[in-house]
Amino acid sequence: MPAASPAHAFDTIMQITSGHSVTRSLHVVAELGVADALDDSPRTSAELAKKTGTNPEALGRVLRLLASFGIFEVQDGRISHTPASRLLRTDHPQSMRSFVRMIGLPVTWDAYGKLDHSLKTGQPSVPKVYPGGIWKYFEENIDASRIFDQAMAAKAQGQIPFIVKSYDFSKFGRIADIAGGQGHLLQAILAANPKVKGVLFDLPRVIEKVSGVASERLQLQSGDFFKDKLPVCDAYLMMDIIHDWNDEDSAKILKNLRRATPAGAKLLLIEAIIPDDSKPNPAKVLDVHMLVFAGGRQRTQQEHAEMLATAGFRFEREIDVGGSFSILEAVAV
């Protein structure tokens, strides 16, 4: 590939240096519900400003910037939706509004202000601005915690249909969703596979909140996946769990899981996989988020395979489900 021209290189640095203006514009537009105020008919910035309590000129300028990235369309002084801006609507089936709002929380901006700490130490920077770390922050900030929960649920709902159709779950008799939260993924799998039963495993406080989802086919079990006994099943799901932890803690989780896993049972890790290339990829962005917020990390396929092997699992294949996410299938040996 030929080297970039000096002019192109200059433009690249300028755009990335000022990239925060785009992301922050997106956060604030999502926070103010601008996409909800825009229906199927094109509207002027004055009309949208009246509905959202904003300044017409300022709103128009911000939407013009977002439109240059495909979020909204501005033509002849009127704003209309694009597929991307529709994802900012609260009523969209795959709404990303809460996720955008979560990334726009003060804790995010404050933590990234201390990114130098993470680069120097390899440790998350959140404790530098919020002692106690990210989870303590959410415990003490109810509104932020609500946005976080909504964001995680929305993100999962957007991914679940692709996961369910990408893998044959009907071959299992009993599936455990480890740290499965509200159980959205497991419930979708059970709905699509009527003969399969499931176990939702999570911390006691989480299981207490979702007690209403228990049924003849869906059992609830509380505990700590670092040390407590996990259910015995034919297959195990872990969606966006291992990336929360560093290599040492991830190995502890997997080794404890292996103690309960029968030989030949499947483990399905659902994670954003970092590709072996230098191209832009959402997994690479998420990887730095994990560094800054939790001390975890995204991994390549090879890194996952090596980690699984140390815990007694053999990596078998990667199934791309879209959006840089994959199902990594492994078997207990």
C-alpha atoms as a PDB file:
ATOM      1  CA  MET A   1       0.000   0.000   0.000  1.00  0.00           C
ATOM      2  CA  PRO A   2       1.505   3.390  -0.954  1.00  0.00           C
ATOM      3  CA  ALA A   3       2.347   5.807   1.827  1.00  0.00           C
ATOM      4  CA  ALA A   4      -0.205   8.534   2.557  1.00  0.00           C
ATOM      5  CA  SER A   5       0.542  11.923   1.055  1.00  0.00           C
ATOM      6  CA  PRO A   6       1.631  14.688   3.464  1.00  0.00           C
ATOM      7  CA  ALA A   7      -1.678  16.497   2.867  1.00  0.00           C
ATOM      8  CA  HIS A   8      -3.670  13.366   3.632  1.00  0.00           C
ATOM      9  CA  ALA A   9      -1.593  12.691   6.732  1.00  0.00           C
ATOM     10  CA  PHE A  10      -2.198  16.263   7.914  1.00  0.00           C
ATOM     11  CA  ASP A  11      -5.950  15.884   7.408  1.00  0.00           C
ATOM     12  CA  THR A  12      -5.920  12.587   9.309  1.00  0.00           C
ATOM     13  CA  ILE A  13      -4.251  14.155  12.338  1.00  0.00           C
ATOM     14  CA  MET A  14      -6.547  17.161  12.241  1.00  0.00           C
ATOM     15  CA  GLN A  15      -9.691  15.024  12.074  1.00  0.00           C
ATOM     16  CA  ILE A  16      -8.679  12.658  14.854  1.00  0.00           C
ATOM     17  CA  THR A  17      -7.432  15.500  17.057  1.00  0.00           C
ATOM     18  CA  SER A  18     -10.834  17.160  16.856  1.00  0.00           C
ATOM     19  CA  GLY A  19     -12.803  13.914  16.924  1.00  0.00           C
ATOM     20  CA  HIS A  20     -14.076  14.672  20.407  1.00  0.00           C
ATOM     21  CA  SER A  21     -16.327  17.369  18.919  1.00  0.00           C
ATOM     22  CA  VAL A  22     -18.148  14.723  16.881  1.00  0.00           C
ATOM     23  CA  THR A  23     -18.497  12.232  19.692  1.00  0.00           C
ATOM     24  CA  ARG A  24     -19.569  14.854  22.204  1.00  0.00           C
ATOM     25  CA  SER A  25     -22.115  16.233  19.745  1.00  0.00           C
ATOM     26  CA  LEU A  26     -23.543  12.746  19.380  1.00  0.00           C
ATOM     27  CA  HIS A  27     -23.712  12.266  23.161  1.00  0.00           C
ATOM     28  CA  VAL A  28     -25.567  15.539  23.744  1.00  0.00           C
ATOM     29  CA  VAL A  29     -27.991  15.037  20.853  1.00  0.00           C
ATOM     30  CA  ALA A  30     -28.825  11.609  22.274  1.00  0.00           C
ATOM     31  CA  GLU A  31     -29.179  13.027  25.792  1.00  0.00           C
ATOM     32  CA  LEU A  32     -31.573  15.756  24.592  1.00  0.00           C
ATOM     33  CA  GLY A  33     -33.710  13.306  22.609  1.00  0.00           C
ATOM     34  CA  VAL A  34     -33.360  15.106  19.275  1.00  0.00           C
ATOM     35  CA  ALA A  35     -33.971  11.902  17.303  1.00  0.00           C
ATOM     36  CA  ASP A  36     -37.202  11.334  19.235  1.00  0.00           C
ATOM     37  CA  ALA A  37     -38.346  14.842  18.302  1.00  0.00           C
ATOM     38  CA  LEU A  38     -37.849  14.116  14.603  1.00  0.00           C
ATOM     39  CA  ASP A  39     -40.537  12.005  12.951  1.00  0.00           C
ATOM     40  CA  ASP A  40     -40.724  10.805   9.347  1.00  0.00           C
ATOM     41  CA  SER A  41     -41.209  14.325   8.007  1.00  0.00           C
ATOM     42  CA  PRO A  42     -38.166  16.572   7.496  1.00  0.00           C
ATOM     43  CA  ARG A  43     -37.992  19.385  10.073  1.00  0.00           C
ATOM     44  CA  THR A  44     -36.091  22.635  10.381  1.00  0.00           C
ATOM     45  CA  SER A  45     -33.633  23.130  13.178  1.00  0.00           C
ATOM     46  CA  ALA A  46     -36.013  25.752  14.603  1.00  0.00           C
ATOM     47  CA  GLU A  47     -38.810  23.182  14.831  1.00  0.00           C
ATOM     48  CA  LEU A  48     -36.531  20.638  16.507  1.00  0.00           C
ATOM     49  CA  ALA A  49     -35.074  23.267  18.809  1.00  0.00           C
ATOM     50  CA  LYS A  50     -38.543  24.199  20.040  1.00  0.00           C
ATOM     51  CA  LYS A  51     -39.234  20.558  20.928  1.00  0.00           C
ATOM     52  CA  THR A  52     -35.874  19.955  22.604  1.00  0.00           C
ATOM     53  CA  GLY A  53     -35.259  23.242  24.396  1.00  0.00           C
ATOM     54  CA  THR A  54     -32.194  24.115  22.363  1.00  0.00           C
ATOM     55  CA  ASN A  55     -30.916  27.073  20.368  1.00  0.00           C
ATOM     56  CA  PRO A  56     -31.985  26.746  16.694  1.00  0.00           C
ATOM     57  CA  GLU A  57     -28.716  27.977  15.193  1.00  0.00           C
ATOM     58  CA  ALA A  58     -26.503  25.925  17.519  1.00  0.00           C
ATOM     59  CA  LEU A  59     -28.591  22.809  16.991  1.00  0.00           C
ATOM     60  CA  GLY A  60     -28.434  23.250  13.223  1.00  0.00           C
ATOM     61  CA  ARG A  61     -24.654  23.505  13.312  1.00  0.00           C
ATOM     62  CA  VAL A  62     -24.278  20.406  15.462  1.00  0.00           C
ATOM     63  CA  LEU A  63     -26.648  18.392  13.273  1.00  0.00           C
ATOM     64  CA  ARG A  64     -24.768  19.555  10.189  1.00  0.00           C
ATOM     65  CA  LEU A  65     -21.581  18.121  11.699  1.00  0.00           C
ATOM     66  CA  LEU A  66     -23.253  14.809  12.567  1.00  0.00           C
ATOM     67  CA  ALA A  67     -24.830  14.627   9.110  1.00  0.00           C
ATOM     68  CA  SER A  68     -21.348  14.703   7.571  1.00  0.00           C
ATOM     69  CA  PHE A  69     -20.814  11.351   9.308  1.00  0.00           C
ATOM     70  CA  GLY A  70     -24.143   9.899   8.178  1.00  0.00           C
ATOM     71  CA  ILE A  71     -26.058  10.636  11.370  1.00  0.00           C
ATOM     72  CA  PHE A  72     -29.100  12.645  10.195  1.00  0.00           C
ATOM     73  CA  GLU A  73     -29.329  14.265   6.767  1.00  0.00           C
ATOM     74  CA  VAL A  74     -29.442  17.995   6.183  1.00  0.00           C
ATOM     75  CA  GLN A  75     -30.810  19.235   2.869  1.00  0.00           C
ATOM     76  CA  ASP A  76     -32.300  22.611   1.948  1.00  0.00           C
ATOM     77  CA  GLY A  77     -32.334  23.651   5.583  1.00  0.00           C
ATOM     78  CA  ARG A  78     -34.336  20.626   6.711  1.00  0.00           C
ATOM     79  CA  ILE A  79     -33.219  17.689   8.813  1.00  0.00           C
ATOM     80  CA  SER A  80     -34.353  14.136   8.190  1.00  0.00           C
ATOM     81  CA  HIS A  81     -33.477  10.732   9.536  1.00  0.00           C
ATOM     82  CA  THR A  82     -30.884   8.285   8.255  1.00  0.00           C
ATOM     83  CA  PRO A  83     -30.624   4.639   9.363  1.00  0.00           C
ATOM     84  CA  ALA A  84     -27.943   5.720  11.865  1.00  0.00           C
ATOM     85  CA  SER A  85     -29.948   8.560  13.402  1.00  0.00           C
ATOM     86  CA  ARG A  86     -32.987   6.308  13.754  1.00  0.00           C
ATOM     87  CA  LEU A  87     -30.908   4.171  16.124  1.00  0.00           C
ATOM     88  CA  LEU A  88     -30.901   7.175  18.467  1.00  0.00           C
ATOM     89  CA  ARG A  89     -34.685   6.981  18.836  1.00  0.00           C
ATOM     90  CA  THR A  90     -35.890   5.515  22.119  1.00  0.00           C
ATOM     91  CA  ASP A  91     -38.591   3.483  20.372  1.00  0.00           C
ATOM     92  CA  HIS A  92     -36.300   1.826  17.814  1.00  0.00           C
ATOM     93  CA  PRO A  93     -36.153  -1.991  18.335  1.00  0.00           C
ATOM     94  CA  GLN A  94     -32.322  -1.820  18.270  1.00  0.00           C
ATOM     95  CA  SER A  95     -32.082   1.598  19.924  1.00  0.00           C
ATOM     96  CA  MET A  96     -28.544   2.717  20.757  1.00  0.00           C
ATOM     97  CA  ARG A  97     -29.619   5.890  22.543  1.00  0.00           C
ATOM     98  CA  SER A  98     -28.865   4.619  26.051  1.00  0.00           C
ATOM     99  CA  PHE A  99     -25.495   3.254  24.924  1.00  0.00           C
ATOM    100  CA  VAL A 100     -24.530   6.631  23.477  1.00  0.00           C
ATOM    101  CA  ARG A 101     -25.711   8.369  26.650  1.00  0.00           C
ATOM    102  CA  MET A 102     -23.643   5.956  28.747  1.00  0.00           C
ATOM    103  CA  ILE A 103     -20.462   6.733  26.810  1.00  0.00           C
ATOM    104  CA  GLY A 104     -21.270  10.421  27.305  1.00  0.00           C
ATOM    105  CA  LEU A 105     -21.462  10.181  31.113  1.00  0.00           C
ATOM    106  CA  PRO A 106     -19.070  12.421  33.111  1.00  0.00           C
ATOM    107  CA  VAL A 107     -17.217   9.364  34.385  1.00  0.00           C
ATOM    108  CA  THR A 108     -16.176   8.568  30.806  1.00  0.00           C
ATOM    109  CA  TRP A 109     -14.771  12.006  30.045  1.00  0.00           C
ATOM    110  CA  ASP A 110     -13.078  12.319  33.421  1.00  0.00           C
ATOM    111  CA  ALA A 111     -11.481   8.874  33.108  1.00  0.00           C
ATOM    112  CA  TYR A 112     -10.152   9.581  29.617  1.00  0.00           C
ATOM    113  CA  GLY A 113      -8.668  12.785  30.984  1.00  0.00           C
ATOM    114  CA  LYS A 114      -6.390  10.499  33.004  1.00  0.00           C
ATOM    115  CA  LEU A 115      -5.536   8.140  30.144  1.00  0.00           C
ATOM    116  CA  ASP A 116      -1.867   8.884  30.762  1.00  0.00           C
ATOM    117  CA  HIS A 117      -2.187   7.004  34.061  1.00  0.00           C
ATOM    118  CA  SER A 118      -3.387   3.891  32.215  1.00  0.00           C
ATOM    119  CA  LEU A 119      -0.582   4.177  29.684  1.00  0.00           C
ATOM    120  CA  LYS A 120       2.058   4.466  32.399  1.00  0.00           C
ATOM    121  CA  THR A 121       0.703   1.763  34.721  1.00  0.00           C
ATOM    122  CA  GLY A 122      -1.513  -0.533  32.646  1.00  0.00           C
ATOM    123  CA  GLN A 123      -4.236   0.050  35.246  1.00  0.00           C
ATOM    124  CA  PRO A 124      -7.705   1.622  34.819  1.00  0.00           C
ATOM    125  CA  SER A 125      -7.829   5.389  35.209  1.00  0.00           C
ATOM    126  CA  VAL A 126     -11.327   5.609  36.722  1.00  0.00           C
ATOM    127  CA  PRO A 127     -10.035   5.245  40.318  1.00  0.00           C
ATOM    128  CA  LYS A 128      -7.879   8.327  39.761  1.00  0.00           C
ATOM    129  CA  VAL A 129     -11.026  10.443  39.441  1.00  0.00           C
ATOM    130  CA  TYR A 130     -13.604   8.266  41.223  1.00  0.00           C
ATOM    131  CA  PRO A 131     -12.051   6.332  44.153  1.00  0.00           C
ATOM    132  CA  GLY A 132     -13.562   2.864  44.349  1.00  0.00           C
ATOM    133  CA  GLY A 133     -13.641   2.350  40.597  1.00  0.00           C
ATOM    134  CA  ILE A 134     -16.345   2.147  37.967  1.00  0.00           C
ATOM    135  CA  TRP A 135     -18.698  -0.232  39.777  1.00  0.00           C
ATOM    136  CA  LYS A 136     -18.611   1.872  42.945  1.00  0.00           C
ATOM    137  CA  TYR A 137     -19.393   4.901  40.804  1.00  0.00           C
ATOM    138  CA  PHE A 138     -22.520   3.219  39.454  1.00  0.00           C
ATOM    139  CA  GLU A 139     -23.569   2.129  42.969  1.00  0.00           C
ATOM    140  CA  GLU A 140     -23.386   5.736  44.159  1.00  0.00           C
ATOM    141  CA  ASN A 141     -24.922   7.392  41.063  1.00  0.00           C
ATOM    142  CA  ILE A 142     -28.415   6.021  40.539  1.00  0.00           C
ATOM    143  CA  ASP A 143     -29.188   7.885  37.306  1.00  0.00           C
ATOM    144  CA  ALA A 144     -25.889   6.823  35.745  1.00  0.00           C
ATOM    145  CA  SER A 145     -26.504   3.252  36.869  1.00  0.00           C
ATOM    146  CA  ARG A 146     -29.939   3.288  35.235  1.00  0.00           C
ATOM    147  CA  ILE A 147     -28.448   4.528  31.961  1.00  0.00           C
ATOM    148  CA  PHE A 148     -25.751   1.851  32.159  1.00  0.00           C
ATOM    149  CA  ASP A 149     -28.334  -0.912  32.714  1.00  0.00           C
ATOM    150  CA  GLN A 150     -30.445   0.379  29.827  1.00  0.00           C
ATOM    151  CA  ALA A 151     -27.375   0.572  27.599  1.00  0.00           C
ATOM    152  CA  MET A 152     -26.322  -2.993  28.332  1.00  0.00           C
ATOM    153  CA  ALA A 153     -29.849  -4.271  27.761  1.00  0.00           C
ATOM    154  CA  ALA A 154     -30.161  -2.346  24.481  1.00  0.00           C
ATOM    155  CA  LYS A 155     -26.772  -3.551  23.275  1.00  0.00           C
ATOM    156  CA  ALA A 156     -27.703  -7.141  24.093  1.00  0.00           C
ATOM    157  CA  GLN A 157     -31.082  -6.858  22.387  1.00  0.00           C
ATOM    158  CA  GLY A 158     -29.378  -5.626  19.249  1.00  0.00           C
ATOM    159  CA  GLN A 159     -26.983  -8.587  19.211  1.00  0.00           C
ATOM    160  CA  ILE A 160     -29.226 -11.417  20.448  1.00  0.00           C
ATOM    161  CA  PRO A 161     -31.185 -12.097  17.218  1.00  0.00           C
ATOM    162  CA  PHE A 162     -27.920 -12.570  15.322  1.00  0.00           C
ATOM    163  CA  ILE A 163     -26.508 -14.857  18.015  1.00  0.00           C
ATOM    164  CA  VAL A 164     -29.615 -17.035  18.118  1.00  0.00           C
ATOM    165  CA  LYS A 165     -29.700 -17.523  14.346  1.00  0.00           C
ATOM    166  CA  SER A 166     -25.923 -18.088  14.054  1.00  0.00           C
ATOM    167  CA  TYR A 167     -25.679 -21.199  16.214  1.00  0.00           C
ATOM    168  CA  ASP A 168     -27.622 -24.452  16.620  1.00  0.00           C
ATOM    169  CA  PHE A 169     -28.608 -24.478  20.300  1.00  0.00           C
ATOM    170  CA  SER A 170     -31.200 -27.233  19.802  1.00  0.00           C
ATOM    171  CA  LYS A 171     -28.575 -29.958  20.292  1.00  0.00           C
ATOM    172  CA  PHE A 172     -28.221 -29.150  23.993  1.00  0.00           C
ATOM    173  CA  GLY A 173     -30.457 -30.347  26.788  1.00  0.00           C
ATOM    174  CA  ARG A 174     -29.420 -27.766  29.375  1.00  0.00           C
ATOM    175  CA  ILE A 175     -27.613 -24.448  28.865  1.00  0.00           C
ATOM    176  CA  ALA A 176     -26.160 -22.192  31.564  1.00  0.00           C
ATOM    177  CA  ASP A 177     -25.753 -18.466  31.017  1.00  0.00           C
ATOM    178  CA  ILE A 178     -22.922 -17.457  33.341  1.00  0.00           C
ATOM    179  CA  ALA A 179     -23.193 -13.860  34.603  1.00  0.00           C
ATOM    180  CA  GLY A 180     -26.171 -13.578  32.279  1.00  0.00           C
ATOM    181  CA  GLY A 181     -27.682 -10.500  33.936  1.00  0.00           C
ATOM    182  CA  GLN A 182     -31.391 -10.181  33.205  1.00  0.00           C
ATOM    183  CA  GLY A 183     -31.340 -13.338  31.111  1.00  0.00           C
ATOM    184  CA  HIS A 184     -32.300 -11.792  27.765  1.00  0.00           C
ATOM    185  CA  LEU A 185     -29.975 -14.022  25.752  1.00  0.00           C
ATOM    186  CA  LEU A 186     -30.927 -17.239  27.518  1.00  0.00           C
ATOM    187  CA  GLN A 187     -34.650 -16.471  27.266  1.00  0.00           C
ATOM    188  CA  ALA A 188     -34.310 -15.842  23.520  1.00  0.00           C
ATOM    189  CA  ILE A 189     -32.469 -19.134  23.062  1.00  0.00           C
ATOM    190  CA  LEU A 190     -35.101 -21.051  25.034  1.00  0.00           C
ATOM    191  CA  ALA A 191     -37.912 -19.386  23.071  1.00  0.00           C
ATOM    192  CA  ALA A 192     -36.310 -20.481  19.794  1.00  0.00           C
ATOM    193  CA  ASN A 193     -35.546 -24.006  21.071  1.00  0.00           C
ATOM    194  CA  PRO A 194     -38.573 -25.365  22.967  1.00  0.00           C
ATOM    195  CA  LYS A 195     -36.886 -28.595  24.100  1.00  0.00           C
ATOM    196  CA  VAL A 196     -33.919 -26.869  25.740  1.00  0.00           C
ATOM    197  CA  LYS A 197     -33.772 -25.910  29.437  1.00  0.00           C
ATOM    198  CA  GLY A 198     -31.581 -23.247  30.978  1.00  0.00           C
ATOM    199  CA  VAL A 199     -29.893 -21.990  34.130  1.00  0.00           C
ATOM    200  CA  LEU A 200     -29.260 -18.291  34.690  1.00  0.00           C
ATOM    201  CA  PHE A 201     -26.269 -17.796  36.997  1.00  0.00           C
ATOM    202  CA  ASP A 202     -25.287 -14.433  38.457  1.00  0.00           C
ATOM    203  CA  LEU A 203     -24.572 -12.610  41.711  1.00  0.00           C
ATOM    204  CA  PRO A 204     -27.266 -12.816  44.415  1.00  0.00           C
ATOM    205  CA  ARG A 205     -28.300  -9.163  44.011  1.00  0.00           C
ATOM    206  CA  VAL A 206     -28.787  -9.687  40.266  1.00  0.00           C
ATOM    207  CA  ILE A 207     -30.757 -12.912  40.634  1.00  0.00           C
ATOM    208  CA  GLU A 208     -32.980 -11.285  43.239  1.00  0.00           C
ATOM    209  CA  LYS A 209     -33.948  -8.568  40.745  1.00  0.00           C
ATOM    210  CA  VAL A 210     -34.880 -11.054  38.010  1.00  0.00           C
ATOM    211  CA  SER A 211     -36.696 -13.627  40.116  1.00  0.00           C
ATOM    212  CA  GLY A 212     -39.811 -13.187  37.979  1.00  0.00           C
ATOM    213  CA  VAL A 213     -38.221 -14.821  34.914  1.00  0.00           C
ATOM    214  CA  ALA A 214     -37.925 -18.238  36.586  1.00  0.00           C
ATOM    215  CA  SER A 215     -40.024 -20.981  35.017  1.00  0.00           C
ATOM    216  CA  GLU A 216     -40.193 -24.728  34.551  1.00  0.00           C
ATOM    217  CA  ARG A 217     -37.555 -24.406  31.829  1.00  0.00           C
ATOM    218  CA  LEU A 218     -35.507 -21.555  33.314  1.00  0.00           C
ATOM    219  CA  GLN A 219     -33.796 -22.095  36.662  1.00  0.00           C
ATOM    220  CA  LEU A 220     -32.076 -19.323  38.629  1.00  0.00           C
ATOM    221  CA  GLN A 221     -28.858 -19.852  40.586  1.00  0.00           C
ATOM    222  CA  SER A 222     -26.891 -17.228  42.473  1.00  0.00           C
ATOM    223  CA  GLY A 223     -23.228 -17.205  43.325  1.00  0.00           C
ATOM    224  CA  ASP A 224     -19.731 -15.883  42.627  1.00  0.00           C
ATOM    225  CA  PHE A 225     -18.183 -17.264  39.446  1.00  0.00           C
ATOM    226  CA  PHE A 226     -14.694 -16.927  40.913  1.00  0.00           C
ATOM    227  CA  LYS A 227     -15.244 -19.434  43.699  1.00  0.00           C
ATOM    228  CA  ASP A 228     -18.753 -20.896  43.942  1.00  0.00           C
ATOM    229  CA  LYS A 229     -19.951 -24.124  42.380  1.00  0.00           C
ATOM    230  CA  LEU A 230     -21.433 -23.571  38.954  1.00  0.00           C
ATOM    231  CA  PRO A 231     -24.305 -25.584  37.430  1.00  0.00           C
ATOM    232  CA  VAL A 232     -23.642 -28.797  35.523  1.00  0.00           C
ATOM    233  CA  CYS A 233     -24.867 -28.375  31.945  1.00  0.00           C
ATOM    234  CA  ASP A 234     -24.277 -29.439  28.349  1.00  0.00           C
ATOM    235  CA  ALA A 235     -23.285 -25.934  27.276  1.00  0.00           C
ATOM    236  CA  TYR A 236     -22.238 -22.654  28.862  1.00  0.00           C
ATOM    237  CA  LEU A 237     -22.665 -19.093  27.598  1.00  0.00           C
ATOM    238  CA  MET A 238     -20.520 -16.144  28.622  1.00  0.00           C
ATOM    239  CA  MET A 239     -21.429 -12.964  26.775  1.00  0.00           C
ATOM    240  CA  ASP A 240     -19.198  -9.904  27.234  1.00  0.00           C
ATOM    241  CA  ILE A 241     -17.837 -11.291  30.497  1.00  0.00           C
ATOM    242  CA  ILE A 242     -14.222 -12.296  29.985  1.00  0.00           C
ATOM    243  CA  HIS A 243     -13.375  -8.888  28.505  1.00  0.00           C
ATOM    244  CA  ASP A 244     -14.149  -7.276  31.877  1.00  0.00           C
ATOM    245  CA  TRP A 245     -11.117  -8.935  33.462  1.00  0.00           C
ATOM    246  CA  ASN A 246      -7.362  -9.084  33.089  1.00  0.00           C
ATOM    247  CA  ASP A 247      -5.694 -12.332  32.043  1.00  0.00           C
ATOM    248  CA  GLU A 248      -5.127 -13.573  35.584  1.00  0.00           C
ATOM    249  CA  ASP A 249      -8.716 -13.059  36.733  1.00  0.00           C
ATOM    250  CA  SER A 250     -10.110 -14.377  33.447  1.00  0.00           C
ATOM    251  CA  ALA A 251      -8.124 -17.585  33.954  1.00  0.00           C
ATOM    252  CA  LYS A 252      -9.546 -17.942  37.478  1.00  0.00           C
ATOM    253  CA  ILE A 253     -13.103 -17.620  36.167  1.00  0.00           C
ATOM    254  CA  LEU A 254     -12.551 -20.173  33.404  1.00  0.00           C
ATOM    255  CA  LYS A 255     -10.796 -22.647  35.692  1.00  0.00           C
ATOM    256  CA  ASN A 256     -13.644 -22.480  38.206  1.00  0.00           C
ATOM    257  CA  LEU A 257     -16.100 -23.026  35.348  1.00  0.00           C
ATOM    258  CA  ARG A 258     -14.089 -26.024  34.131  1.00  0.00           C
ATOM    259  CA  ARG A 259     -14.460 -27.694  37.546  1.00  0.00           C
ATOM    260  CA  ALA A 260     -18.219 -27.885  36.959  1.00  0.00           C
ATOM    261  CA  THR A 261     -18.106 -28.563  33.226  1.00  0.00           C
ATOM    262  CA  PRO A 262     -18.475 -32.201  32.103  1.00  0.00           C
ATOM    263  CA  ALA A 263     -15.893 -33.402  29.589  1.00  0.00           C
ATOM    264  CA  GLY A 264     -17.205 -32.778  26.093  1.00  0.00           C
ATOM    265  CA  ALA A 265     -19.516 -29.929  27.131  1.00  0.00           C
ATOM    266  CA  LYS A 266     -19.363 -26.750  25.067  1.00  0.00           C
ATOM    267  CA  LEU A 267     -18.333 -23.281  26.183  1.00  0.00           C
ATOM    268  CA  LEU A 268     -19.493 -20.395  24.002  1.00  0.00           C
ATOM    269  CA  LEU A 269     -17.705 -17.116  24.607  1.00  0.00           C
ATOM    270  CA  ILE A 270     -19.412 -14.188  22.904  1.00  0.00           C
ATOM    271  CA  GLU A 271     -16.943 -11.343  22.574  1.00  0.00           C
ATOM    272  CA  ALA A 272     -15.750  -8.593  20.259  1.00  0.00           C
ATOM    273  CA  ILE A 273     -12.642 -10.096  18.670  1.00  0.00           C
ATOM    274  CA  ILE A 274      -9.654  -7.962  17.712  1.00  0.00           C
ATOM    275  CA  PRO A 275      -8.597  -8.807  14.147  1.00  0.00           C
ATOM    276  CA  ASP A 276      -4.960  -9.245  13.171  1.00  0.00           C
ATOM    277  CA  ASP A 277      -4.755  -6.134  11.012  1.00  0.00           C
ATOM    278  CA  SER A 278      -4.235  -2.384  11.246  1.00  0.00           C
ATOM    279  CA  LYS A 279      -7.680  -1.350  10.015  1.00  0.00           C
ATOM    280  CA  PRO A 280     -10.222   0.534  12.138  1.00  0.00           C
ATOM    281  CA  ASN A 281     -12.444  -1.812  14.126  1.00  0.00           C
ATOM    282  CA  PRO A 282     -14.943  -1.250  16.985  1.00  0.00           C
ATOM    283  CA  ALA A 283     -13.229  -3.983  19.023  1.00  0.00           C
ATOM    284  CA  LYS A 284     -10.058  -1.885  19.146  1.00  0.00           C
ATOM    285  CA  VAL A 285     -12.016   1.062  20.541  1.00  0.00           C
ATOM    286  CA  LEU A 286     -13.736  -1.178  23.067  1.00  0.00           C
ATOM    287  CA  ASP A 287     -10.339  -2.557  24.084  1.00  0.00           C
ATOM    288  CA  VAL A 288      -9.173   0.893  25.201  1.00  0.00           C
ATOM    289  CA  HIS A 289     -12.508   1.452  26.975  1.00  0.00           C
ATOM    290  CA  MET A 290     -11.825  -1.715  28.954  1.00  0.00           C
ATOM    291  CA  LEU A 291      -8.319  -0.520  29.809  1.00  0.00           C
ATOM    292  CA  VAL A 292      -9.574   2.836  31.074  1.00  0.00           C
ATOM    293  CA  PHE A 293     -12.699   1.665  32.896  1.00  0.00           C
ATOM    294  CA  ALA A 294     -12.175  -1.828  34.266  1.00  0.00           C
ATOM    295  CA  GLY A 295      -8.666  -3.049  33.614  1.00  0.00           C
ATOM    296  CA  GLY A 296     -10.021  -5.690  31.250  1.00  0.00           C
ATOM    297  CA  ARG A 297      -9.263  -6.156  27.568  1.00  0.00           C
ATOM    298  CA  GLN A 298     -10.514  -7.350  24.203  1.00  0.00           C
ATOM    299  CA  ARG A 299      -8.469 -10.193  22.731  1.00  0.00           C
ATOM    300  CA  THR A 300      -7.565 -11.756  19.424  1.00  0.00           C
ATOM    301  CA  GLN A 301      -8.794 -15.222  18.511  1.00  0.00           C
ATOM    302  CA  GLN A 302      -5.350 -16.648  19.303  1.00  0.00           C
ATOM    303  CA  GLU A 303      -5.238 -14.981  22.711  1.00  0.00           C
ATOM    304  CA  HIS A 304      -8.637 -16.468  23.560  1.00  0.00           C
ATOM    305  CA  ALA A 305      -7.542 -19.911  22.381  1.00  0.00           C
ATOM    306  CA  GLU A 306      -4.414 -19.826  24.544  1.00  0.00           C
ATOM    307  CA  MET A 307      -6.339 -18.657  27.604  1.00  0.00           C
ATOM    308  CA  LEU A 308      -8.986 -21.350  27.118  1.00  0.00           C
ATOM    309  CA  ALA A 309      -6.306 -24.035  26.848  1.00  0.00           C
ATOM    310  CA  THR A 310      -4.804 -23.121  30.219  1.00  0.00           C
ATOM    311  CA  ALA A 311      -8.235 -23.625  31.811  1.00  0.00           C
ATOM    312  CA  GLY A 312      -8.920 -27.028  30.263  1.00  0.00           C
ATOM    313  CA  PHE A 313     -10.900 -26.033  27.177  1.00  0.00           C
ATOM    314  CA  ARG A 314      -9.966 -26.622  23.532  1.00  0.00           C
ATOM    315  CA  PHE A 315     -10.847 -23.877  21.095  1.00  0.00           C
ATOM    316  CA  GLU A 316     -12.732 -25.254  18.097  1.00  0.00           C
ATOM    317  CA  ARG A 317     -14.005 -22.428  15.895  1.00  0.00           C
ATOM    318  CA  GLU A 318     -15.024 -18.789  15.607  1.00  0.00           C
ATOM    319  CA  ILE A 319     -18.483 -17.903  14.313  1.00  0.00           C
ATOM    320  CA  ASP A 320     -18.893 -14.310  13.150  1.00  0.00           C
ATOM    321  CA  VAL A 321     -22.271 -12.928  14.242  1.00  0.00           C
ATOM    322  CA  GLY A 322     -21.678  -9.403  12.914  1.00  0.00           C
ATOM    323  CA  GLY A 323     -20.680  -6.070  14.409  1.00  0.00           C
ATOM    324  CA  SER A 324     -17.142  -7.353  15.175  1.00  0.00           C
ATOM    325  CA  PHE A 325     -18.687  -9.866  17.616  1.00  0.00           C
ATOM    326  CA  SER A 326     -18.155 -13.610  17.413  1.00  0.00           C
ATOM    327  CA  ILE A 327     -19.111 -16.811  19.152  1.00  0.00           C
ATOM    328  CA  LEU A 328     -15.939 -18.625  20.178  1.00  0.00           C
ATOM    329  CA  GLU A 329     -16.807 -22.310  20.533  1.00  0.00           C
ATOM    330  CA  ALA A 330     -14.654 -24.409  22.846  1.00  0.00           C
ATOM    331  CA  VAL A 331     -15.008 -27.872  24.357  1.00  0.00           C
ATOM    332  CA  ALA A 332     -14.055 -29.131  27.827  1.00  0.00           C
ATOM    333  CA  VAL A 333     -11.213 -31.677  27.575  1.00  0.00           C
END
